Every structure is written in C-alpha cells, then in structure tokens.
Amino acid sequence: MVAVWKLSQFVDPHTIIKLISILGKLSLTQITRLAKRIQKPRQTVMFSLGIDKILVLASVIIKFIFIIIHSSETNNWWFKYNEKQVGYWPSDIFELMKDGATMVQWGGEVYSPYLGTPWHTQTAMGNEKFSDFIFRNSGTMTGMLIEESFSLEPMITAKKISIPNPHAIKTIRVKDGDIVDCVDIYKQPAFDHPALKNHTIQFAVVLTEGFSYSGAKANIKVFNPYIDSIGDYSSSQVMLRNGPLRSFESAEAGWTVNPIVYNDYKTRLFAFWTVDGMQRTGCFDLTCPGFVQTSTEVLLGGDIGSYYASEITIQISKDPYTNNWWFKFNNKEVGYWPADIFELMRHQAVLVQWGGEVYSPSVGTQPHTGTAMGSGQFSDPISGTSGMMKGLLIEENSNPLKRPETLFVSSDEWNCYDAFLMKEYVPEPVFYYGGPGSRQNPKC
C-alpha cells in the first residue's frame, strides 16, 4: 500500500525543495516518522509491492509490502503485510484455487455503478495522475514477484469486521478507528460460510465477470432429474449477481425439481432472489414479498413438463429507467424484481452464471446424494443427451445482447457433476453439464 501525502497543499515550495534534498539521506523508518509528524489534510491510498524509497517532487511516498502466498501443505492462501502474517483464505472455499493460481494480476481498480456510462464517475485511481514513468508521480508498483511454492504455519489472527461477532474473545479499537474482534483461529466468521459447514450446494456452471451487466439470456433444455431425498432439489438457471461471496445479491430464473417448495417431483418454472448470499433471505417465486408477477399467461412455479427434452428461453434484463430486473420466459414478460429490494443490483450485475445446481445436505460428503443434475447424464457434446444451454448472451449497460468476451467453466465435484463448453466454430456458445451424483456412479 502506498500512502501519498500532498505536501504542496500545506508546505511552501522552499520547504519542499529542502525536504527532498535530505530525503535521500534518511532511512525508510525515518521518512515514515517524518511524514507522521506532518499534519495531513488529504490522503490518497493505492496498492504497491516493494520496500525501496521513491522520491517524488512535492510528495512523500511510503511503500508497504503485500504478499499473497499458497501453502503447499494445507492449500490455504496466506496474506502477509510488511512481512507479518495477517490470516488466510481456507482452501475449502475454492475449487480451482485449491491447487494454485494460473494468473497473477497487479494494478489499480475503481468500482462504480457509473463506469462506462455518459455520467462517468470522478473516482480516481492511484494518486489521480496518469501513468508517469519519468517522475513516478503516479500510481507505482515495484518488486512484482511470483512464488511457485511455499509453506507457512498457522497462527492466531484478528478479523476486522463491522458487525457483532459472536465468536469474539476480545474487542479492541485500533489507531484508524476500526473495531477489531480478536477470535480463536478456528472460530472466525469465515468458518460460518456454508461451503465450510455442510457443503449443501454444488454447481456445474459457466460464468463471465468483469463488466457491468444489465442482462443475460439462454436457451435451456428441460429435463426431470432424479431427486434422492425430499430435502434435495435440482435446478438449471440463469443467474446475475453482484457483491461479495458471503453476502451477494442475485436474481435467477430457470427450471427446477424441488419437492420442498412445490410438494411434488415435477419440473417447474421458477424465479429466485437473495440480498445476503442466502443467509437470511432467499425466496422462490411469490412465496415472500419481492418478485412482482405481471403476466396472466405464464404461471410462475407452473409445471413445464410438456417441454421435456426441448428448449425454453430464459432472459433477465434490467430496465434502465426504473432499474427493475425483468424476467422473460419464451420471450414473454413474467414479472420483475423491484430495484428497491436490492442495493448493489439496483445499478448493475458484475457476474453472470449459467448452469446446473444441486442442493442437498449430502453433497461434498460420503455417502453422496444421488440427486441428479441436468438430465442425469455427464456432459455430452456428441449426442446432446446431457443438460444443455445454447445462446449464452449478455447485455452490457442496457445495450443489445451479445456474446460474452470471456467464459470460465467450473464444477464443484467433477466426479459427480461435470461441465463442457463449446465456444469455437459455433455462432453462440453451447454449454453441456450435469451428472448422476452417486446414483450408479461409484466415483462420486
């Protein structure tokens, strides 16, 4: 992290020149102490790597080291700040990142619902200057290094949060005014994540992210997958999402077999939303206030078994005037999620996901559920008898539908449910997915 204090705002030019002339004789510690003595009317924060001094006209720049590193023994990802361990991301919250990363990225980032619009945000990046490699009077990163293998031992950590923490054994206030709850390492809020408890939901999906999304569409083949237990369900859907993993907001629609909600094993049309990562909210169809049905022709939650082995069209799009998210089934408007039920999704989605989902208390465990995904067959691009989605399209900033620029395939349990994406030599991407779970499948 680089903290930039703009001395020109409160120090005369002669003092600046004198200060610069002596900086080269000071150690990093001395520069830090000097900067702390100066009253700071404004502070700009940006990211960097390295610990060498940088002299910039009219600025004092102090560099800090940030390191993220993978433990080969536990597969946890550790975060170090100025050579001190802060904590780690448990390997169990990842699928692909358990074994390592395939890409490293350094740089700046600006988040705003107004990016890419005529009313572009004025939020700055770096120190508000365009890249300046001559005087380095811009956001600067040095010492960009990679690590291919490393091992660290666990340690007790402190977790900074903004809500009461039931696991806290001591609460303190640090210098910057934040409240820190000191907790036992294995009782941190991160371990309350569903992925670290009962592993209740498994996905086989294709997704795109990194842009401002205002809609998504797909043609989904309809099946009636086997449900192993009355507490399980299987669905295939289009999802738009915004927010962090533990508290994301989403709107999604597709087909499902869900005996708990519908009291039968029929394939039904559904709509779903949540505003806190399904922790306290999460509602199918009209079972709670939220989704507003406007259609008198399409029955939300209705039986769509007549479409078996054929395709239905699912589209979710944001109205740029009201910010409501509209759901279309076979090009007919069904209804909408009002903008007022969302915070982040009121403006945009930052991730679109297509694919299958299985919910069960017996996923990620042994014995594994036999609840199927898609048609119950593993992905089959040859005969097309598996779950299949065609025409994966997105909208950006309420512009016309188009192909996503990048697509990533993921499955939580490849031996139970897998996925295959065909995107070359086809006009629009085709996604194959599914699997039988453990039913007649000893590998799962």
Protein backbone atom coordinates (compact mmCIF):
# COMPACT_ATOMS: atom_id res chain seq x y z
CA MET A 1 0.00 0.00 0.00
CA VAL A 2 1.28 3.47 -0.83
CA ALA A 3 0.16 6.41 1.27
CA VAL A 4 0.66 9.71 -0.60
CA TRP A 5 0.63 12.99 1.34
CA LYS A 6 0.45 16.02 -0.98
CA LEU A 7 2.84 18.40 0.77
CA SER A 8 2.24 21.19 -1.71
CA GLN A 9 -1.12 21.84 -0.08
CA PHE A 10 0.37 22.89 3.26
CA VAL A 11 4.15 23.37 2.80
CA ASP A 12 5.74 26.24 0.86
CA PRO A 13 7.98 25.39 -2.20
CA HIS A 14 11.25 26.24 -0.41
CA THR A 15 10.43 23.76 2.35
CA ILE A 16 9.57 21.11 -0.26
CA ILE A 17 12.92 21.54 -2.04
CA LYS A 18 14.80 21.37 1.26
CA LEU A 19 12.86 18.27 2.30
CA ILE A 20 13.59 16.50 -0.99
CA SER A 21 17.29 17.30 -0.65
CA ILE A 22 17.51 15.44 2.67
CA LEU A 23 15.19 12.52 1.90
CA GLY A 24 17.95 10.59 0.18
CA LYS A 25 19.94 10.57 3.43
CA LEU A 26 17.07 9.17 5.53
CA SER A 27 16.10 5.56 6.12
CA LEU A 28 12.60 4.30 5.36
CA THR A 29 11.82 4.34 9.10
CA GLN A 30 12.97 7.94 9.41
CA ILE A 31 10.90 9.01 6.41
CA THR A 32 7.87 7.31 7.93
CA ARG A 33 8.35 9.11 11.25
CA LEU A 34 8.83 12.44 9.47
CA ALA A 35 5.65 12.04 7.47
CA LYS A 36 3.67 11.16 10.59
CA ARG A 37 4.73 14.45 12.21
CA ILE A 38 3.25 16.44 9.33
CA GLN A 39 -0.45 17.29 9.57
CA LYS A 40 -2.15 15.53 6.66
CA PRO A 41 -5.14 17.43 5.19
CA ARG A 42 -5.61 14.85 2.46
CA GLN A 43 -4.54 11.24 1.97
CA THR A 44 -4.70 9.11 -1.15
CA VAL A 45 -4.29 5.33 -0.95
CA MET A 46 -3.12 2.92 -3.65
CA PHE A 47 -1.51 -0.52 -3.89
CA SER A 48 2.14 -1.41 -4.48
CA LEU A 49 4.84 -4.03 -3.88
CA GLY A 50 8.43 -3.40 -2.79
CA ILE A 51 10.11 -1.57 0.07
CA ASP A 52 12.60 0.77 -1.64
CA LYS A 53 12.33 4.56 -1.24
CA ILE A 54 10.89 6.64 -4.06
CA LEU A 55 11.43 10.39 -4.21
CA VAL A 56 8.68 12.36 -5.94
CA LEU A 57 8.53 16.15 -6.24
CA ALA A 58 6.05 17.65 -3.75
CA SER A 59 5.19 14.22 -2.27
CA VAL A 60 6.35 11.83 0.41
CA ILE A 61 5.69 8.25 -0.68
CA ILE A 62 5.93 5.35 1.75
CA LYS A 63 5.80 1.83 0.40
CA PHE A 64 4.46 -1.27 2.08
CA ILE A 65 4.71 -4.92 1.09
CA PHE A 66 1.66 -7.06 0.32
CA ILE A 67 2.09 -10.77 -0.31
CA ILE A 68 -0.47 -13.48 -1.03
CA ILE A 69 1.01 -16.95 -0.98
CA HIS A 70 -0.17 -20.55 -1.25
CA SER A 71 0.69 -23.14 1.41
CA SER A 72 1.64 -26.42 -0.25
CA GLU A 73 0.85 -28.31 2.98
CA THR A 74 -2.67 -27.03 3.72
CA ASN A 75 -3.56 -25.39 0.36
CA ASN A 76 -4.69 -22.31 2.30
CA TRP A 77 -3.86 -18.91 0.79
CA TRP A 78 -1.99 -16.73 3.28
CA PHE A 79 -1.94 -12.92 3.34
CA LYS A 80 1.18 -11.12 4.64
CA TYR A 81 1.50 -7.39 5.29
CA ASN A 82 5.00 -5.96 5.81
CA GLU A 83 6.35 -9.49 6.38
CA LYS A 84 3.72 -10.22 9.05
CA GLN A 85 1.03 -12.85 8.62
CA VAL A 86 -2.50 -11.41 8.73
CA GLY A 87 -4.54 -14.57 8.07
CA TYR A 88 -5.64 -16.87 5.29
CA TRP A 89 -8.41 -17.87 2.92
CA PRO A 90 -9.26 -21.55 3.67
CA SER A 91 -8.78 -23.89 0.74
CA ASP A 92 -12.30 -25.27 1.19
CA ILE A 93 -13.91 -22.10 -0.16
CA PHE A 94 -12.17 -22.70 -3.52
CA GLU A 95 -12.33 -25.37 -6.18
CA LEU A 96 -9.67 -24.48 -8.74
CA MET A 97 -7.64 -22.25 -6.42
CA LYS A 98 -7.08 -25.13 -4.02
CA ASP A 99 -4.09 -26.25 -6.05
CA GLY A 100 -2.74 -22.90 -7.21
CA ALA A 101 -3.44 -19.90 -9.40
CA THR A 102 -2.94 -19.71 -13.16
CA MET A 103 -2.85 -15.92 -13.40
CA VAL A 104 -1.36 -13.09 -11.34
CA GLN A 105 -2.55 -9.51 -11.71
CA TRP A 106 -1.18 -6.25 -10.29
CA GLY A 107 -2.72 -2.82 -10.70
CA GLY A 108 -5.48 -0.42 -9.77
CA GLU A 109 -9.23 -0.81 -9.66
CA VAL A 110 -12.18 1.56 -9.49
CA TYR A 111 -15.67 0.34 -8.68
CA SER A 112 -18.68 2.49 -9.53
CA PRO A 113 -22.15 1.92 -10.99
CA TYR A 114 -21.38 4.81 -13.36
CA LEU A 115 -18.42 3.26 -15.16
CA GLY A 116 -18.87 3.02 -18.92
CA THR A 117 -21.77 5.49 -18.92
CA PRO A 118 -22.02 9.12 -20.11
CA TRP A 119 -22.12 10.12 -16.41
CA HIS A 120 -18.78 8.50 -15.67
CA THR A 121 -17.61 8.57 -12.06
CA GLN A 122 -14.90 11.01 -10.94
CA THR A 123 -13.46 8.45 -8.54
CA ALA A 124 -9.70 8.43 -9.08
CA MET A 125 -7.24 5.58 -9.45
CA GLY A 126 -3.76 5.60 -7.95
CA ASN A 127 -2.85 9.15 -6.93
CA GLU A 128 -5.16 10.69 -9.56
CA LYS A 129 -2.33 11.13 -12.10
CA PHE A 130 -1.99 9.31 -15.41
CA SER A 131 0.91 6.85 -15.55
CA ASP A 132 4.21 8.73 -15.16
CA PHE A 133 7.29 6.52 -15.60
CA ILE A 134 9.68 9.50 -15.71
CA PHE A 135 8.98 11.16 -12.34
CA ARG A 136 6.88 8.27 -10.98
CA ASN A 137 4.32 10.82 -9.88
CA SER A 138 1.51 8.33 -10.47
CA GLY A 139 0.39 5.05 -9.05
CA THR A 140 3.54 2.93 -8.89
CA MET A 141 4.29 -0.73 -8.24
CA THR A 142 7.75 -2.20 -7.97
CA GLY A 143 9.14 -5.55 -6.96
CA MET A 144 6.42 -7.54 -8.71
CA LEU A 145 7.43 -11.13 -7.95
CA ILE A 146 5.74 -14.51 -8.13
CA GLU A 147 6.06 -17.58 -5.92
CA GLU A 148 5.65 -21.10 -7.24
CA SER A 149 5.74 -22.97 -3.93
CA PHE A 150 5.88 -22.00 -0.27
CA SER A 151 4.86 -23.32 3.15
CA LEU A 152 3.63 -21.42 6.18
CA GLU A 153 2.50 -22.48 9.64
CA PRO A 154 -0.92 -21.40 11.00
CA MET A 155 -1.09 -18.60 13.55
CA ILE A 156 -3.70 -16.82 15.65
CA THR A 157 -5.24 -13.94 13.69
CA ALA A 158 -7.54 -10.99 14.24
CA LYS A 159 -10.51 -10.39 11.96
CA LYS A 160 -11.70 -6.84 11.21
CA ILE A 161 -15.49 -6.74 10.86
CA SER A 162 -18.25 -4.18 11.11
CA ILE A 163 -20.99 -6.28 12.73
CA PRO A 164 -21.13 -8.01 16.14
CA ASN A 165 -19.10 -11.19 16.18
CA PRO A 166 -20.42 -13.96 18.46
CA HIS A 167 -17.02 -15.70 18.45
CA ALA A 168 -15.02 -12.70 19.73
CA ILE A 169 -12.89 -13.27 22.83
CA LYS A 170 -11.64 -9.66 22.92
CA THR A 171 -12.66 -6.45 21.16
CA ILE A 172 -10.24 -3.56 20.66
CA ARG A 173 -10.17 -0.25 18.78
CA VAL A 174 -7.10 0.29 16.60
CA LYS A 175 -5.45 3.56 15.56
CA ASP A 176 -7.53 4.10 12.43
CA GLY A 177 -10.76 3.89 14.44
CA ASP A 178 -11.87 0.46 13.20
CA ILE A 179 -13.19 -2.12 15.63
CA VAL A 180 -11.29 -5.40 15.66
CA ASP A 181 -12.66 -8.60 17.16
CA CYS A 182 -9.92 -10.98 18.27
CA VAL A 183 -11.10 -14.54 17.79
CA ASP A 184 -9.87 -18.08 18.03
CA ILE A 185 -8.37 -19.05 14.66
CA TYR A 186 -10.94 -21.79 14.04
CA LYS A 187 -13.92 -19.70 15.17
CA GLN A 188 -13.57 -16.84 12.70
CA PRO A 189 -16.68 -15.65 10.82
CA ALA A 190 -15.17 -17.16 7.65
CA PHE A 191 -15.85 -20.62 9.07
CA ASP A 192 -19.56 -19.80 9.17
CA HIS A 193 -19.58 -19.89 5.35
CA PRO A 194 -21.89 -22.66 4.06
CA ALA A 195 -19.05 -24.07 1.94
CA LEU A 196 -17.12 -24.71 5.16
CA LYS A 197 -20.04 -26.28 7.02
CA ASN A 198 -22.38 -28.74 5.31
CA HIS A 199 -21.34 -28.18 1.68
CA THR A 200 -25.04 -28.01 0.83
CA ILE A 201 -24.96 -26.65 -2.75
CA GLN A 202 -22.93 -27.89 -5.70
CA PHE A 203 -22.64 -26.21 -9.09
CA ALA A 204 -21.56 -27.10 -12.61
CA VAL A 205 -21.56 -23.76 -14.37
CA VAL A 206 -20.06 -21.43 -16.94
CA LEU A 207 -19.67 -17.80 -15.95
CA THR A 208 -18.44 -14.42 -17.11
CA GLU A 209 -17.40 -11.45 -15.00
CA GLY A 210 -15.51 -8.19 -15.06
CA PHE A 211 -18.02 -5.89 -16.75
CA SER A 212 -21.23 -4.05 -15.93
CA TYR A 213 -24.02 -6.48 -16.86
CA SER A 214 -27.63 -5.45 -17.32
CA GLY A 215 -29.00 -8.72 -18.67
CA ALA A 216 -28.43 -12.33 -19.70
CA LYS A 217 -30.17 -14.95 -21.80
CA ALA A 218 -30.03 -18.68 -22.60
CA ASN A 219 -32.00 -21.45 -24.24
CA ILE A 220 -32.17 -24.26 -21.67
CA LYS A 221 -33.08 -27.87 -22.39
CA VAL A 222 -35.69 -29.14 -19.93
CA PHE A 223 -35.42 -32.44 -18.01
CA ASN A 224 -36.86 -34.10 -14.93
CA PRO A 225 -33.82 -35.20 -12.93
CA TYR A 226 -33.94 -37.84 -10.21
CA ILE A 227 -34.27 -36.46 -6.66
CA ASP A 228 -32.75 -38.70 -4.00
CA SER A 229 -34.40 -37.15 -0.94
CA ILE A 230 -37.37 -34.89 -0.27
CA GLY A 231 -34.94 -32.34 1.16
CA ASP A 232 -32.95 -32.13 -2.09
CA TYR A 233 -33.56 -30.11 -5.22
CA SER A 234 -32.02 -29.79 -8.69
CA SER A 235 -32.24 -26.75 -10.94
CA SER A 236 -30.90 -25.24 -14.14
CA GLN A 237 -30.87 -21.47 -14.36
CA VAL A 238 -29.54 -18.13 -15.49
CA MET A 239 -28.15 -16.01 -12.63
CA LEU A 240 -26.99 -12.39 -12.39
CA ARG A 241 -25.05 -11.42 -9.29
CA ASN A 242 -23.29 -8.59 -7.50
CA GLY A 243 -21.50 -8.37 -4.18
CA PRO A 244 -19.07 -10.43 -2.08
CA LEU A 245 -19.28 -14.21 -1.80
CA ARG A 246 -20.82 -14.29 1.67
CA SER A 247 -23.45 -11.60 1.10
CA PHE A 248 -24.06 -11.38 -2.64
CA GLU A 249 -27.26 -10.17 -4.27
CA SER A 250 -28.72 -12.20 -7.12
CA ALA A 251 -31.69 -12.65 -9.40
CA GLU A 252 -32.05 -16.01 -11.14
CA ALA A 253 -34.61 -17.96 -13.13
CA GLY A 254 -34.95 -21.31 -14.90
CA TRP A 255 -36.45 -24.71 -14.18
CA THR A 256 -36.28 -26.82 -11.05
CA VAL A 257 -37.46 -30.02 -9.39
CA ASN A 258 -37.98 -29.00 -5.77
CA PRO A 259 -40.28 -31.17 -3.61
CA ILE A 260 -39.89 -28.97 -0.51
CA VAL A 261 -41.20 -25.84 -2.27
CA TYR A 262 -43.74 -27.40 -4.63
CA ASN A 263 -44.69 -30.61 -2.78
CA ASP A 264 -44.11 -32.80 -5.86
CA TYR A 265 -41.38 -34.01 -8.24
CA LYS A 266 -42.49 -32.15 -11.35
CA THR A 267 -40.26 -29.84 -13.39
CA ARG A 268 -41.41 -26.29 -12.74
CA LEU A 269 -40.58 -22.75 -13.87
CA PHE A 270 -39.05 -20.71 -11.06
CA ALA A 271 -37.67 -17.31 -10.13
CA PHE A 272 -35.42 -16.70 -7.13
CA TRP A 273 -33.67 -13.78 -5.41
CA THR A 274 -31.49 -13.05 -2.39
CA VAL A 275 -29.76 -9.97 -0.99
CA ASP A 276 -27.38 -11.58 1.52
CA GLY A 277 -25.94 -14.68 -0.10
CA MET A 278 -28.95 -16.79 1.04
CA GLN A 279 -28.07 -16.33 4.71
CA ARG A 280 -31.37 -14.79 5.84
CA THR A 281 -33.09 -14.02 2.54
CA GLY A 282 -33.80 -16.24 -0.41
CA CYS A 283 -37.21 -16.62 -1.91
CA PHE A 284 -38.72 -18.76 -4.69
CA ASP A 285 -41.43 -17.28 -6.90
CA LEU A 286 -44.12 -15.48 -4.87
CA THR A 287 -43.58 -17.29 -1.56
CA CYS A 288 -42.46 -14.00 0.03
CA PRO A 289 -42.70 -10.30 -0.91
CA GLY A 290 -40.22 -9.43 -3.63
CA PHE A 291 -40.93 -10.66 -7.14
CA VAL A 292 -43.90 -8.96 -8.84
CA GLN A 293 -45.76 -11.07 -11.39
CA THR A 294 -47.38 -9.13 -14.24
CA SER A 295 -48.21 -11.92 -16.71
CA THR A 296 -51.65 -13.50 -16.89
CA GLU A 297 -50.41 -16.12 -19.37
CA VAL A 298 -47.30 -17.58 -17.71
CA LEU A 299 -47.70 -19.30 -14.35
CA LEU A 300 -44.65 -18.75 -12.14
CA GLY A 301 -43.99 -22.08 -10.42
CA GLY A 302 -46.05 -23.80 -13.08
CA ASP A 303 -45.45 -27.31 -14.44
CA ILE A 304 -43.39 -27.18 -17.64
CA GLY A 305 -43.02 -30.95 -18.09
CA SER A 306 -44.52 -30.63 -21.57
CA TYR A 307 -41.20 -29.09 -22.66
CA TYR A 308 -39.27 -32.24 -21.68
CA ALA A 309 -36.10 -32.67 -23.83
CA SER A 310 -36.90 -29.44 -25.68
CA GLU A 311 -35.72 -25.90 -25.01
CA ILE A 312 -37.13 -22.94 -23.13
CA THR A 313 -35.78 -19.38 -23.33
CA ILE A 314 -34.88 -17.61 -20.11
CA GLN A 315 -33.93 -13.92 -20.13
CA ILE A 316 -33.34 -11.46 -17.28
CA SER A 317 -32.86 -7.77 -18.16
CA LYS A 318 -32.66 -4.52 -16.22
CA ASP A 319 -34.92 -1.63 -17.17
CA PRO A 320 -32.55 1.37 -17.48
CA TYR A 321 -35.31 3.79 -16.41
CA THR A 322 -36.77 2.04 -13.35
CA ASN A 323 -33.77 -0.25 -12.54
CA ASN A 324 -36.23 -3.13 -12.09
CA TRP A 325 -34.99 -6.54 -13.26
CA TRP A 326 -37.46 -8.16 -15.71
CA PHE A 327 -37.86 -11.92 -16.23
CA LYS A 328 -38.92 -13.22 -19.64
CA PHE A 329 -39.97 -16.81 -20.35
CA ASN A 330 -40.05 -17.78 -24.05
CA ASN A 331 -39.89 -14.05 -24.87
CA LYS A 332 -42.96 -13.24 -22.73
CA GLU A 333 -42.64 -10.97 -19.72
CA VAL A 334 -43.45 -12.85 -16.50
CA GLY A 335 -42.76 -10.05 -13.99
CA TYR A 336 -39.92 -8.24 -12.28
CA TRP A 337 -37.75 -7.91 -9.18
CA PRO A 338 -38.18 -4.29 -7.96
CA ALA A 339 -34.99 -2.24 -7.74
CA ASP A 340 -35.85 -1.34 -4.15
CA ILE A 341 -35.17 -4.86 -2.83
CA PHE A 342 -31.52 -4.57 -3.93
CA GLU A 343 -28.61 -2.35 -3.01
CA LEU A 344 -25.82 -3.26 -5.48
CA MET A 345 -28.03 -4.95 -8.07
CA ARG A 346 -30.06 -1.78 -8.27
CA HIS A 347 -27.30 -0.45 -10.52
CA GLN A 348 -25.72 -3.47 -12.22
CA ALA A 349 -24.58 -7.07 -12.02
CA VAL A 350 -20.88 -7.89 -12.12
CA LEU A 351 -21.19 -11.65 -12.75
CA VAL A 352 -23.41 -13.79 -14.97
CA GLN A 353 -23.66 -17.53 -14.40
CA TRP A 354 -25.37 -20.25 -16.43
CA GLY A 355 -25.64 -23.90 -15.41
CA GLY A 356 -26.91 -26.51 -13.01
CA GLU A 357 -27.26 -26.61 -9.25
CA VAL A 358 -27.93 -29.40 -6.75
CA TYR A 359 -28.92 -28.70 -3.18
CA SER A 360 -28.62 -31.47 -0.58
CA PRO A 361 -27.25 -31.97 2.95
CA SER A 362 -25.33 -34.87 1.36
CA VAL A 363 -23.11 -33.10 -1.18
CA GLY A 364 -19.39 -32.87 -0.53
CA THR A 365 -19.70 -35.84 1.84
CA GLN A 366 -19.76 -39.62 1.86
CA PRO A 367 -22.21 -41.09 1.14
CA HIS A 368 -23.01 -38.53 -1.52
CA THR A 369 -26.53 -37.75 -2.65
CA GLY A 370 -27.88 -39.47 -5.74
CA THR A 371 -29.80 -36.35 -6.79
CA ALA A 372 -29.07 -35.73 -10.46
CA MET A 373 -28.22 -32.53 -12.33
CA GLY A 374 -29.49 -31.70 -15.82
CA SER A 375 -30.66 -34.93 -17.44
CA GLY A 376 -28.68 -37.08 -15.01
CA GLN A 377 -26.02 -37.68 -17.67
CA PHE A 378 -22.49 -36.28 -17.65
CA SER A 379 -21.82 -33.53 -20.20
CA ASP A 380 -22.26 -34.95 -23.68
CA PRO A 381 -21.43 -32.65 -26.62
CA ILE A 382 -21.66 -35.56 -29.09
CA SER A 383 -25.25 -36.76 -28.69
CA GLY A 384 -26.52 -33.84 -26.60
CA THR A 385 -28.36 -36.04 -24.08
CA SER A 386 -26.99 -34.17 -21.07
CA GLY A 387 -28.07 -30.86 -19.63
CA MET A 388 -27.52 -28.24 -22.32
CA MET A 389 -27.73 -24.48 -22.71
CA LYS A 390 -27.44 -22.63 -26.02
CA GLY A 391 -27.23 -18.99 -26.95
CA LEU A 392 -25.40 -17.75 -23.87
CA LEU A 393 -25.68 -13.98 -24.33
CA ILE A 394 -25.25 -10.93 -22.13
CA GLU A 395 -26.27 -7.28 -22.07
CA GLU A 396 -23.84 -4.56 -21.01
CA ASN A 397 -25.23 -1.20 -19.87
CA SER A 398 -28.61 -1.98 -21.48
CA ASN A 399 -27.07 -2.40 -24.94
CA PRO A 400 -28.18 -5.17 -27.34
CA LEU A 401 -27.46 -8.82 -26.48
CA LYS A 402 -24.01 -10.08 -27.46
CA ARG A 403 -21.57 -12.92 -26.86
CA PRO A 404 -19.58 -12.72 -23.62
CA GLU A 405 -15.95 -11.78 -24.16
CA THR A 406 -14.69 -14.40 -21.70
CA LEU A 407 -16.24 -17.55 -20.25
CA PHE A 408 -14.98 -19.77 -17.43
CA VAL A 409 -16.15 -23.32 -16.69
CA SER A 410 -16.36 -24.63 -13.14
CA SER A 411 -17.70 -27.64 -11.25
CA ASP A 412 -17.60 -28.24 -7.50
CA GLU A 413 -17.42 -32.03 -7.84
CA TRP A 414 -16.24 -33.23 -11.23
CA ASN A 415 -16.80 -36.91 -10.41
CA CYS A 416 -20.44 -36.21 -9.58
CA TYR A 417 -21.38 -33.40 -11.97
CA ASP A 418 -19.22 -32.13 -14.81
CA ALA A 419 -19.25 -29.42 -17.46
CA PHE A 420 -18.06 -28.76 -21.01
CA LEU A 421 -18.17 -25.52 -23.01
CA MET A 422 -18.19 -25.40 -26.82
CA LYS A 423 -17.37 -21.88 -27.99
CA GLU A 424 -15.21 -22.34 -31.08
CA TYR A 425 -16.72 -22.59 -34.57
CA VAL A 426 -20.25 -22.01 -33.30
CA PRO A 427 -22.28 -18.79 -33.69
CA GLU A 428 -23.10 -18.72 -29.97
CA PRO A 429 -21.58 -20.66 -27.03
CA VAL A 430 -23.11 -24.03 -26.11
CA PHE A 431 -22.75 -25.35 -22.55
CA TYR A 432 -23.11 -29.04 -21.62
CA TYR A 433 -23.37 -30.04 -17.97
CA GLY A 434 -24.84 -32.49 -15.47
CA GLY A 435 -24.34 -35.83 -13.81
CA PRO A 436 -25.98 -38.57 -11.73
CA GLY A 437 -24.46 -37.72 -8.37
CA SER A 438 -23.68 -41.01 -6.62
CA ARG A 439 -26.52 -42.94 -8.26
CA GLN A 440 -24.89 -45.84 -10.11
CA ASN A 441 -21.69 -43.81 -10.01
CA PRO A 442 -19.12 -45.19 -7.50
CA LYS A 443 -16.62 -42.41 -8.35
CA CYS A 444 -18.78 -39.79 -6.70
